[in-house]
Amino acid sequence: MLSTSQQQFPPIGSKWQDRDRRAKRTVEVIRLDPDNRRVRIHCIETDVLSWAKPERFNGKSGGYQPLMHIPIKRR
């Protein structure tokens, strides 16, 4: 049996944007289930919990890309 490492999963608390142009969806990773190879996500726009495969967090079409935050300049 192949071993699964935590590096294959997105970090808990990270935010991702759906690459599908038809959907405006931002999700936050809230839990990892390495036994079933699933990631528990929370959709920020609709406030819905669902599960996703860790392979979707790859930044490619059909998956999720990391949400980039623009730092605010303070004076």
Protein backbone atom coordinates (compact mmCIF):
# COMPACT_ATOMS: atom_id res chain seq x y z
CA MET A 1 0.00 0.00 0.00
CA LEU A 2 1.25 3.47 -0.81
CA SER A 3 1.77 5.86 2.06
CA THR A 4 0.16 9.28 1.91
CA SER A 5 2.07 12.30 3.11
CA GLN A 6 0.71 15.57 4.43
CA GLN A 7 2.55 17.38 1.62
CA GLN A 8 -0.05 16.16 -0.89
CA PHE A 9 -2.79 18.01 0.99
CA PRO A 10 -3.34 21.79 1.05
CA PRO A 11 -2.68 23.43 4.42
CA ILE A 12 -5.60 23.88 6.81
CA GLY A 13 -6.81 27.48 6.78
CA SER A 14 -5.58 28.16 3.24
CA LYS A 15 -7.96 29.83 0.79
CA TRP A 16 -8.35 28.79 -2.84
CA GLN A 17 -10.23 30.07 -5.87
CA ASP A 18 -12.04 27.78 -8.29
CA ARG A 19 -10.44 27.84 -11.75
CA ASP A 20 -13.79 27.22 -13.45
CA ARG A 21 -14.72 30.50 -15.13
CA ARG A 22 -18.43 29.73 -14.84
CA ALA A 23 -18.32 29.75 -11.04
CA LYS A 24 -17.13 32.48 -8.69
CA ARG A 25 -16.16 30.26 -5.79
CA THR A 26 -13.65 30.80 -3.01
CA VAL A 27 -13.07 27.93 -0.59
CA GLU A 28 -11.21 27.57 2.67
CA VAL A 29 -9.64 24.27 3.74
CA ILE A 30 -11.00 23.36 7.18
CA ARG A 31 -10.10 19.69 7.67
CA LEU A 32 -8.05 16.89 6.13
CA ASP A 33 -9.06 13.23 5.97
CA PRO A 34 -5.93 11.34 4.89
CA ASP A 35 -7.57 7.91 5.39
CA ASN A 36 -10.23 8.64 2.74
CA ARG A 37 -8.01 11.07 0.78
CA ARG A 38 -10.48 13.95 1.08
CA VAL A 39 -10.28 17.63 1.98
CA ARG A 40 -13.16 19.32 3.83
CA ILE A 41 -13.80 22.73 2.31
CA HIS A 42 -16.03 25.68 3.17
CA CYS A 43 -17.37 27.79 0.31
CA ILE A 44 -17.16 31.38 1.50
CA GLU A 45 -19.77 32.78 -0.92
CA THR A 46 -22.52 30.22 -0.18
CA ASP A 47 -21.51 29.11 3.34
CA VAL A 48 -21.68 25.44 2.28
CA LEU A 49 -19.42 22.61 3.49
CA SER A 50 -18.33 19.93 1.03
CA TRP A 51 -15.52 17.49 0.28
CA ALA A 52 -12.88 17.70 -2.46
CA LYS A 53 -10.08 15.47 -3.70
CA PRO A 54 -6.61 16.75 -2.80
CA GLU A 55 -5.62 16.45 -6.49
CA ARG A 56 -7.88 19.41 -7.30
CA PHE A 57 -5.60 21.80 -5.36
CA ASN A 58 -3.06 22.03 -8.19
CA GLY A 59 -3.69 25.45 -9.75
CA LYS A 60 -4.70 23.87 -13.07
CA SER A 61 -7.93 23.99 -15.04
CA GLY A 62 -10.65 21.99 -13.29
CA GLY A 63 -9.11 22.59 -9.91
CA TYR A 64 -8.37 25.28 -7.37
CA GLN A 65 -5.61 27.89 -7.40
CA PRO A 66 -4.21 29.53 -4.26
CA LEU A 67 -5.86 32.83 -3.44
CA MET A 68 -3.23 35.56 -3.56
CA HIS A 69 -3.52 38.34 -1.05
CA ILE A 70 -2.26 41.79 -1.97
CA PRO A 71 -0.42 43.29 0.99
CA ILE A 72 -1.72 46.66 2.20
CA LYS A 73 0.92 49.36 2.47
CA ARG A 74 0.87 51.09 5.82
CA ARG A 75 2.21 54.59 6.31
